C-alpha atoms as a PDB file:
ATOM      1  CA  MET A   1     100.342-152.643-178.016  1.00  0.00           C
ATOM      2  CA  GLN A   2      96.879-152.895-179.676  1.00  0.00           C
ATOM      3  CA  PRO A   3      93.963-154.413-177.662  1.00  0.00           C
ATOM      4  CA  SER A   4      92.083-157.426-179.326  1.00  0.00           C
ATOM      5  CA  ASP A   5      88.453-157.105-180.367  1.00  0.00           C
ATOM      6  CA  MET A   6      86.398-156.781-177.278  1.00  0.00           C
ATOM      7  CA  LYS A   7      82.847-156.903-178.640  1.00  0.00           C
ATOM      8  CA  GLY A   8      80.590-158.819-176.351  1.00  0.00           C
ATOM      9  CA  LYS A   9      82.838-158.265-173.490  1.00  0.00           C
ATOM     10  CA  VAL A  10      82.438-155.975-170.331  1.00  0.00           C
ATOM     11  CA  ALA A  11      85.049-153.796-168.627  1.00  0.00           C
ATOM     12  CA  LEU A  12      84.714-152.011-165.388  1.00  0.00           C
ATOM     13  CA  VAL A  13      87.003-148.839-165.202  1.00  0.00           C
ATOM     14  CA  THR A  14      87.520-146.698-162.148  1.00  0.00           C
ATOM     15  CA  GLY A  15      88.460-143.106-162.146  1.00  0.00           C
ATOM     16  CA  ALA A  16      86.655-142.802-165.398  1.00  0.00           C
ATOM     17  CA  ALA A  17      85.430-139.077-165.126  1.00  0.00           C
ATOM     18  CA  ARG A  18      88.684-137.490-166.559  1.00  0.00           C
ATOM     19  CA  GLY A  19      92.308-138.078-167.290  1.00  0.00           C
ATOM     20  CA  LEU A  20      93.591-141.475-167.754  1.00  0.00           C
ATOM     21  CA  GLY A  21      90.418-143.220-166.693  1.00  0.00           C
ATOM     22  CA  ARG A  22      88.312-141.485-169.360  1.00  0.00           C
ATOM     23  CA  ALA A  23      90.968-142.181-172.040  1.00  0.00           C
ATOM     24  CA  THR A  24      91.097-145.771-170.962  1.00  0.00           C
ATOM     25  CA  ALA A  25      87.268-146.112-171.119  1.00  0.00           C
ATOM     26  CA  LEU A  26      87.146-144.607-174.589  1.00  0.00           C
ATOM     27  CA  ARG A  27      89.995-146.803-175.893  1.00  0.00           C
ATOM     28  CA  LEU A  28      88.069-149.824-174.567  1.00  0.00           C
ATOM     29  CA  ALA A  29      84.914-148.479-176.291  1.00  0.00           C
ATOM     30  CA  ARG A  30      86.739-148.258-179.561  1.00  0.00           C
ATOM     31  CA  ALA A  31      87.699-151.950-179.204  1.00  0.00           C
ATOM     32  CA  GLY A  32      84.085-152.815-178.769  1.00  0.00           C
ATOM     33  CA  ALA A  33      83.792-153.261-175.026  1.00  0.00           C
ATOM     34  CA  ASP A  34      80.629-152.357-172.910  1.00  0.00           C
ATOM     35  CA  LEU A  35      81.618-150.199-169.974  1.00  0.00           C
ATOM     36  CA  ALA A  36      80.731-149.842-166.227  1.00  0.00           C
ATOM     37  CA  LEU A  37      82.355-146.492-165.264  1.00  0.00           C
ATOM     38  CA  VAL A  38      83.002-145.452-161.832  1.00  0.00           C
ATOM     39  CA  ASP A  39      83.987-142.232-160.300  1.00  0.00           C
ATOM     40  CA  ARG A  40      82.655-139.912-157.519  1.00  0.00           C
ATOM     41  CA  ASP A  41      82.291-136.979-159.865  1.00  0.00           C
ATOM     42  CA  GLU A  42      78.938-137.422-161.327  1.00  0.00           C
ATOM     43  CA  ALA A  43      78.784-134.781-164.162  1.00  0.00           C
ATOM     44  CA  PRO A  44      82.170-135.596-165.959  1.00  0.00           C
ATOM     45  CA  LEU A  45      81.455-139.220-165.424  1.00  0.00           C
ATOM     46  CA  ALA A  46      78.199-139.075-167.313  1.00  0.00           C
ATOM     47  CA  GLU A  47      79.930-137.246-169.986  1.00  0.00           C
ATOM     48  CA  THR A  48      82.472-140.008-170.359  1.00  0.00           C
ATOM     49  CA  ALA A  49      79.459-142.477-170.777  1.00  0.00           C
ATOM     50  CA  LEU A  50      78.108-140.456-173.496  1.00  0.00           C
ATOM     51  CA  LEU A  51      81.467-140.214-175.321  1.00  0.00           C
ATOM     52  CA  ALA A  52      81.713-144.032-174.930  1.00  0.00           C
ATOM     53  CA  GLU A  53      78.195-144.644-176.196  1.00  0.00           C
ATOM     54  CA  ALA A  54      78.971-142.483-179.225  1.00  0.00           C
ATOM     55  CA  GLN A  55      81.509-145.402-180.068  1.00  0.00           C
ATOM     56  CA  GLY A  56      78.420-147.709-180.224  1.00  0.00           C
ATOM     57  CA  VAL A  57      78.813-149.578-177.102  1.00  0.00           C
ATOM     58  CA  ARG A  58      76.806-149.466-173.983  1.00  0.00           C
ATOM     59  CA  ALA A  59      78.049-147.561-170.992  1.00  0.00           C
ATOM     60  CA  LEU A  60      76.754-147.632-167.346  1.00  0.00           C
ATOM     61  CA  ALA A  61      77.815-144.617-165.161  1.00  0.00           C
ATOM     62  CA  LEU A  62      78.293-145.428-161.423  1.00  0.00           C
ATOM     63  CA  PRO A  63      78.758-142.363-159.444  1.00  0.00           C
ATOM     64  CA  LEU A  64      80.373-143.906-156.313  1.00  0.00           C
ATOM     65  CA  ASP A  65      83.162-143.069-153.754  1.00  0.00           C
ATOM     66  CA  LEU A  66      85.557-145.866-153.771  1.00  0.00           C
ATOM     67  CA  ALA A  67      87.068-144.644-150.461  1.00  0.00           C
ATOM     68  CA  GLU A  68      83.794-146.130-149.064  1.00  0.00           C
ATOM     69  CA  GLY A  69      84.476-149.765-148.973  1.00  0.00           C
ATOM     70  CA  SER A  70      80.919-150.827-149.516  1.00  0.00           C
ATOM     71  CA  HIS A  71      80.879-148.951-152.879  1.00  0.00           C
ATOM     72  CA  CYS A  72      83.491-151.315-154.364  1.00  0.00           C
ATOM     73  CA  SER A  73      81.242-154.291-154.002  1.00  0.00           C
ATOM     74  CA  LEU A  74      78.333-152.237-155.051  1.00  0.00           C
ATOM     75  CA  ALA A  75      80.210-151.224-158.346  1.00  0.00           C
ATOM     76  CA  VAL A  76      80.767-154.974-159.187  1.00  0.00           C
ATOM     77  CA  ALA A  77      77.162-155.941-158.270  1.00  0.00           C
ATOM     78  CA  ARG A  78      75.632-153.109-160.478  1.00  0.00           C
ATOM     79  CA  THR A  79      77.962-154.113-163.362  1.00  0.00           C
ATOM     80  CA  LEU A  80      76.702-157.657-163.160  1.00  0.00           C
ATOM     81  CA  GLU A  81      73.162-156.590-162.852  1.00  0.00           C
ATOM     82  CA  THR A  82      73.250-154.519-165.952  1.00  0.00           C
ATOM     83  CA  PHE A  83      75.516-156.611-168.320  1.00  0.00           C
ATOM     84  CA  GLY A  84      75.413-160.013-166.722  1.00  0.00           C
ATOM     85  CA  ARG A  85      79.171-160.716-167.055  1.00  0.00           C
ATOM     86  CA  LEU A  86      82.700-158.975-166.180  1.00  0.00           C
ATOM     87  CA  ASP A  87      85.683-159.481-168.334  1.00  0.00           C
ATOM     88  CA  ALA A  88      88.092-156.894-167.326  1.00  0.00           C
ATOM     89  CA  LEU A  89      88.668-154.835-164.164  1.00  0.00           C
ATOM     90  CA  CYS A  90      90.828-151.731-164.876  1.00  0.00           C
ATOM     91  CA  ASN A  91      91.861-149.978-161.458  1.00  0.00           C
ATOM     92  CA  VAL A  92      92.808-146.651-162.590  1.00  0.00           C
ATOM     93  CA  ALA A  93      91.315-144.299-159.985  1.00  0.00           C
ATOM     94  CA  ALA A  94      94.002-142.473-157.976  1.00  0.00           C
ATOM     95  CA  MET A  95      94.329-139.587-155.418  1.00  0.00           C
ATOM     96  CA  LEU A  96      97.812-137.876-155.071  1.00  0.00           C
ATOM     97  CA  GLY A  97      97.695-136.142-151.553  1.00  0.00           C
ATOM     98  CA  ALA A  98     100.963-134.322-152.230  1.00  0.00           C
ATOM     99  CA  GLY A  99     102.406-132.594-149.216  1.00  0.00           C
ATOM    100  CA  ARG A 100     105.040-132.625-146.446  1.00  0.00           C
ATOM    101  CA  THR A 101     104.530-135.672-144.525  1.00  0.00           C
ATOM    102  CA  GLU A 102     104.525-133.802-141.148  1.00  0.00           C
ATOM    103  CA  GLU A 103     101.665-131.704-142.338  1.00  0.00           C
ATOM    104  CA  LEU A 104      99.380-134.397-143.748  1.00  0.00           C
ATOM    105  CA  ASP A 105      96.184-134.931-141.798  1.00  0.00           C
ATOM    106  CA  ASP A 106      94.471-138.148-141.141  1.00  0.00           C
ATOM    107  CA  GLU A 107      91.767-137.796-143.504  1.00  0.00           C
ATOM    108  CA  THR A 108      94.233-137.388-146.507  1.00  0.00           C
ATOM    109  CA  ILE A 109      96.362-140.136-145.492  1.00  0.00           C
ATOM    110  CA  ASP A 110      93.348-142.395-145.059  1.00  0.00           C
ATOM    111  CA  ARG A 111      91.981-141.535-148.295  1.00  0.00           C
ATOM    112  CA  VAL A 112      95.100-141.793-150.351  1.00  0.00           C
ATOM    113  CA  LEU A 113      95.603-145.363-149.015  1.00  0.00           C
ATOM    114  CA  ALA A 114      91.812-146.134-149.459  1.00  0.00           C
ATOM    115  CA  VAL A 115      91.573-145.061-153.126  1.00  0.00           C
ATOM    116  CA  ASN A 116      95.135-146.131-154.275  1.00  0.00           C
ATOM    117  CA  LEU A 117      95.416-149.563-152.407  1.00  0.00           C
ATOM    118  CA  ALA A 118      92.222-150.674-150.459  1.00  0.00           C
ATOM    119  CA  ALA A 119      89.764-150.022-153.097  1.00  0.00           C
ATOM    120  CA  PRO A 120      91.598-152.078-155.910  1.00  0.00           C
ATOM    121  CA  LEU A 121      91.908-154.982-153.581  1.00  0.00           C
ATOM    122  CA  LYS A 122      88.110-154.813-152.500  1.00  0.00           C
ATOM    123  CA  LEU A 123      87.090-154.495-156.115  1.00  0.00           C
ATOM    124  CA  ILE A 124      89.336-157.349-157.141  1.00  0.00           C
ATOM    125  CA  ARG A 125      87.686-159.378-154.096  1.00  0.00           C
ATOM    126  CA  SER A 126      84.325-158.870-155.483  1.00  0.00           C
ATOM    127  CA  ALA A 127      85.013-159.400-159.063  1.00  0.00           C
ATOM    128  CA  MET A 128      87.486-162.365-158.970  1.00  0.00           C
ATOM    129  CA  PRO A 129      84.815-165.217-159.276  1.00  0.00           C
ATOM    130  CA  HIS A 130      83.262-163.335-162.333  1.00  0.00           C
ATOM    131  CA  LEU A 131      86.715-162.871-163.860  1.00  0.00           C
ATOM    132  CA  ILE A 132      87.611-166.468-163.282  1.00  0.00           C
ATOM    133  CA  ARG A 133      84.426-167.493-165.002  1.00  0.00           C
ATOM    134  CA  ALA A 134      85.204-165.240-167.990  1.00  0.00           C
ATOM    135  CA  GLY A 135      88.831-165.889-168.235  1.00  0.00           C
ATOM    136  CA  GLY A 136      89.278-162.169-167.884  1.00  0.00           C
ATOM    137  CA  ALA A 137      91.862-159.802-166.674  1.00  0.00           C
ATOM    138  CA  VAL A 138      92.687-157.298-163.888  1.00  0.00           C
ATOM    139  CA  VAL A 139      94.801-154.269-164.727  1.00  0.00           C
ATOM    140  CA  ASN A 140      96.190-152.171-161.805  1.00  0.00           C
ATOM    141  CA  VAL A 141      97.559-148.712-162.697  1.00  0.00           C
ATOM    142  CA  THR A 142     100.372-148.132-160.287  1.00  0.00           C
ATOM    143  CA  SER A 143     103.158-145.332-160.751  1.00  0.00           C
ATOM    144  CA  CYS A 144     106.746-144.890-161.204  1.00  0.00           C
ATOM    145  CA  ALA A 145     106.598-143.724-157.487  1.00  0.00           C
ATOM    146  CA  ALA A 146     106.211-147.308-156.620  1.00  0.00           C
ATOM    147  CA  PHE A 147     109.776-147.888-157.723  1.00  0.00           C
ATOM    148  CA  GLN A 148     111.484-144.480-156.874  1.00  0.00           C
ATOM    149  CA  GLY A 149     111.356-142.600-153.616  1.00  0.00           C
ATOM    150  CA  GLN A 150     109.639-139.282-154.408  1.00  0.00           C
ATOM    151  CA  ALA A 151     109.567-136.298-152.021  1.00  0.00           C
ATOM    152  CA  TYR A 152     106.169-135.086-150.818  1.00  0.00           C
ATOM    153  CA  LEU A 153     104.299-138.310-151.946  1.00  0.00           C
ATOM    154  CA  ALA A 154     104.801-140.572-148.875  1.00  0.00           C
ATOM    155  CA  ALA A 155     101.432-141.951-148.597  1.00  0.00           C
ATOM    156  CA  TYR A 156     100.892-142.036-152.530  1.00  0.00           C
ATOM    157  CA  SER A 157     104.350-143.750-153.111  1.00  0.00           C
ATOM    158  CA  ALA A 158     103.622-146.323-150.293  1.00  0.00           C
ATOM    159  CA  ALA A 159     100.217-147.116-151.682  1.00  0.00           C
ATOM    160  CA  LYS A 160     101.264-147.482-155.108  1.00  0.00           C
ATOM    161  CA  ALA A 161     104.310-149.772-154.138  1.00  0.00           C
ATOM    162  CA  GLY A 162     101.643-151.813-152.141  1.00  0.00           C
ATOM    163  CA  LEU A 163      99.502-152.076-155.303  1.00  0.00           C
ATOM    164  CA  THR A 164     102.406-153.298-157.274  1.00  0.00           C
ATOM    165  CA  HIS A 165     103.188-156.117-154.894  1.00  0.00           C
ATOM    166  CA  LEU A 166      99.500-156.908-154.533  1.00  0.00           C
ATOM    167  CA  THR A 167      99.410-157.463-158.369  1.00  0.00           C
ATOM    168  CA  ARG A 168     102.353-159.910-158.001  1.00  0.00           C
ATOM    169  CA  SER A 169     100.885-161.806-154.913  1.00  0.00           C
ATOM    170  CA  LEU A 170      97.518-162.200-156.645  1.00  0.00           C
ATOM    171  CA  ALA A 171      99.172-163.364-159.841  1.00  0.00           C
ATOM    172  CA  MET A 172     100.705-166.334-157.798  1.00  0.00           C
ATOM    173  CA  GLU A 173      97.390-166.950-155.847  1.00  0.00           C
ATOM    174  CA  TYR A 174      95.332-167.186-158.971  1.00  0.00           C
ATOM    175  CA  ILE A 175      98.121-168.677-161.257  1.00  0.00           C
ATOM    176  CA  LYS A 176      96.057-171.967-161.808  1.00  0.00           C
ATOM    177  CA  THR A 177      93.012-169.945-163.028  1.00  0.00           C
ATOM    178  CA  PRO A 178      92.549-168.427-166.550  1.00  0.00           C
ATOM    179  CA  VAL A 179      92.438-164.788-165.012  1.00  0.00           C
ATOM    180  CA  ARG A 180      95.510-162.548-165.925  1.00  0.00           C
ATOM    181  CA  ILE A 181      96.575-159.963-163.312  1.00  0.00           C
ATOM    182  CA  ASN A 182      99.000-157.191-164.392  1.00  0.00           C
ATOM    183  CA  ALA A 183      99.993-153.780-163.602  1.00  0.00           C
ATOM    184  CA  LEU A 184     101.162-150.655-165.480  1.00  0.00           C
ATOM    185  CA  ALA A 185     103.372-147.861-163.799  1.00  0.00           C
ATOM    186  CA  PRO A 186     103.199-144.647-165.691  1.00  0.00           C
ATOM    187  CA  GLY A 187     105.423-141.711-165.211  1.00  0.00           C
ATOM    188  CA  GLY A 188     104.124-138.095-164.982  1.00  0.00           C
ATOM    189  CA  MET A 189     101.190-137.236-167.238  1.00  0.00           C
ATOM    190  CA  ARG A 190      99.294-133.959-167.985  1.00  0.00           C
ATOM    191  CA  THR A 191      96.144-134.800-165.914  1.00  0.00           C
ATOM    192  CA  ALA A 192      94.336-133.160-163.116  1.00  0.00           C
ATOM    193  CA  LEU A 193      95.959-135.604-160.641  1.00  0.00           C
ATOM    194  CA  ALA A 194      99.342-134.070-161.449  1.00  0.00           C
ATOM    195  CA  ALA A 195      98.037-130.744-160.845  1.00  0.00           C
ATOM    196  CA  GLY A 196      98.183-131.615-157.088  1.00  0.00           C
ATOM    197  CA  PHE A 197     101.658-130.595-156.984  1.00  0.00           C
ATOM    198  CA  ALA A 198     100.678-126.975-157.619  1.00  0.00           C
ATOM    199  CA  GLU A 199      99.159-126.998-154.236  1.00  0.00           C
ATOM    200  CA  LEU A 200     102.533-127.439-152.533  1.00  0.00           C
ATOM    201  CA  ARG A 201     103.787-124.635-150.381  1.00  0.00           C
ATOM    202  CA  ASP A 202     107.568-123.568-151.246  1.00  0.00           C
ATOM    203  CA  PRO A 203     108.721-127.106-152.408  1.00  0.00           C
ATOM    204  CA  ASP A 204     112.354-127.655-152.657  1.00  0.00           C
ATOM    205  CA  PRO A 205     113.121-127.223-156.394  1.00  0.00           C
ATOM    206  CA  GLU A 206     116.129-129.685-156.190  1.00  0.00           C
ATOM    207  CA  LEU A 207     113.843-132.318-154.761  1.00  0.00           C
ATOM    208  CA  LEU A 208     111.337-131.944-157.490  1.00  0.00           C
ATOM    209  CA  ALA A 209     113.978-131.779-160.149  1.00  0.00           C
ATOM    210  CA  ARG A 210     115.106-135.287-159.251  1.00  0.00           C
ATOM    211  CA  ILE A 211     111.805-136.737-160.534  1.00  0.00           C
ATOM    212  CA  GLN A 212     111.507-134.642-163.612  1.00  0.00           C
ATOM    213  CA  PRO A 213     111.602-136.798-166.715  1.00  0.00           C
ATOM    214  CA  LEU A 214     114.416-135.840-169.204  1.00  0.00           C
ATOM    215  CA  ARG A 215     112.304-136.846-172.167  1.00  0.00           C
ATOM    216  CA  GLY A 216     109.127-135.215-170.918  1.00  0.00           C
ATOM    217  CA  VAL A 217     105.787-136.611-169.654  1.00  0.00           C
ATOM    218  CA  VAL A 218     103.943-139.488-170.821  1.00  0.00           C
ATOM    219  CA  GLU A 219     100.942-138.895-173.054  1.00  0.00           C
ATOM    220  CA  VAL A 220      97.649-140.054-171.487  1.00  0.00           C
ATOM    221  CA  GLU A 221      96.552-141.766-174.714  1.00  0.00           C
ATOM    222  CA  ALA A 222      99.827-143.855-174.858  1.00  0.00           C
ATOM    223  CA  VAL A 223      99.143-145.166-171.330  1.00  0.00           C
ATOM    224  CA  ALA A 224      95.457-145.824-172.087  1.00  0.00           C
ATOM    225  CA  GLU A 225      96.636-147.879-175.146  1.00  0.00           C
ATOM    226  CA  VAL A 226      98.674-150.226-172.939  1.00  0.00           C
ATOM    227  CA  VAL A 227      95.955-150.524-170.200  1.00  0.00           C
ATOM    228  CA  ALA A 228      93.350-151.557-172.836  1.00  0.00           C
ATOM    229  CA  PHE A 229      95.974-154.013-174.282  1.00  0.00           C
ATOM    230  CA  LEU A 230      96.468-155.787-170.955  1.00  0.00           C
ATOM    231  CA  ALA A 231      92.682-155.932-170.384  1.00  0.00           C
ATOM    232  CA  SER A 232      92.122-157.752-173.835  1.00  0.00           C
ATOM    233  CA  ASP A 233      92.913-161.175-175.023  1.00  0.00           C
ATOM    234  CA  ALA A 234      95.807-159.669-176.869  1.00  0.00           C
ATOM    235  CA  ALA A 235      97.988-159.852-173.716  1.00  0.00           C
ATOM    236  CA  GLN A 236      97.886-163.698-173.289  1.00  0.00           C
ATOM    237  CA  GLY A 237     101.164-164.487-171.557  1.00  0.00           C
ATOM    238  CA  PHE A 238     101.331-161.403-169.433  1.00  0.00           C
ATOM    239  CA  HIS A 239     100.592-162.417-165.887  1.00  0.00           C
ATOM    240  CA  GLY A 240     102.104-160.925-162.803  1.00  0.00           C
ATOM    241  CA  ALA A 241     103.898-158.232-164.723  1.00  0.00           C
ATOM    242  CA  CYS A 242     104.359-154.587-164.092  1.00  0.00           C
ATOM    243  CA  ILE A 243     105.127-152.546-167.209  1.00  0.00           C
ATOM    244  CA  ASN A 244     106.965-149.240-166.476  1.00  0.00           C
ATOM    245  CA  LEU A 245     105.937-146.642-168.992  1.00  0.00           C
ATOM    246  CA  ASP A 246     107.707-143.603-167.718  1.00  0.00           C
ATOM    247  CA  ASN A 247     110.184-142.247-170.360  1.00  0.00           C
ATOM    248  CA  GLY A 248     112.964-143.702-168.577  1.00  0.00           C
ATOM    249  CA  VAL A 249     112.456-142.130-165.134  1.00  0.00           C
ATOM    250  CA  THR A 250     113.003-145.308-163.300  1.00  0.00           C
ATOM    251  CA  ALA A 251     115.728-146.836-165.749  1.00  0.00           C
ATOM    252  CA  GLY A 252     118.588-145.587-163.379  1.00  0.00           C
END
């Protein structure tokens, strides 16, 4: 899946400081898109912006915390102030919050739900009028955890399942507009997010084994390629889809 030429277009990418967010931003930069990049970690976010600019595009670093609801509308507003348009919204930011459910504190639960579900919805709410005008696209990054019960990930799995169904609901709501709204559900990747499992205290190895991919983890760059494809005009005909990219984890 190759994205089409995105020169003259603008994409907003969340979680852009590292991992899949950075890989997505750089893939879109290679396709020619100018970028608004959002993450709460300012230093690595600035590095992503520099790497994108090295591809010959403009990049705006927006160090914002999407768990703060007002920061979602601010991200869209700053994007429009700088570039004057918005063609693609890529909701990549995520928080794992791995742990035994009875040990999760309120702050962790609230933040996991905010980052993984509420923030994408609030970003879409703010971006939609501009995406309709541009005939643009929304790409929500969910997870194989949205389709498979996974131990120690109650809040994360619930949020990603909600984001998957949000994608379908919005696709129906906006089916009479030119906007394309799709989701991508990756399996495990080698990212800082996945490292959250390392903090688990004495996890049951049998439960962890149930979610281990027999074909190995998915490469971050391969996932970024599909996110960029869905964000581009090459994905005409995709609307309300959720593509599972998990090396067969959810196949059976």
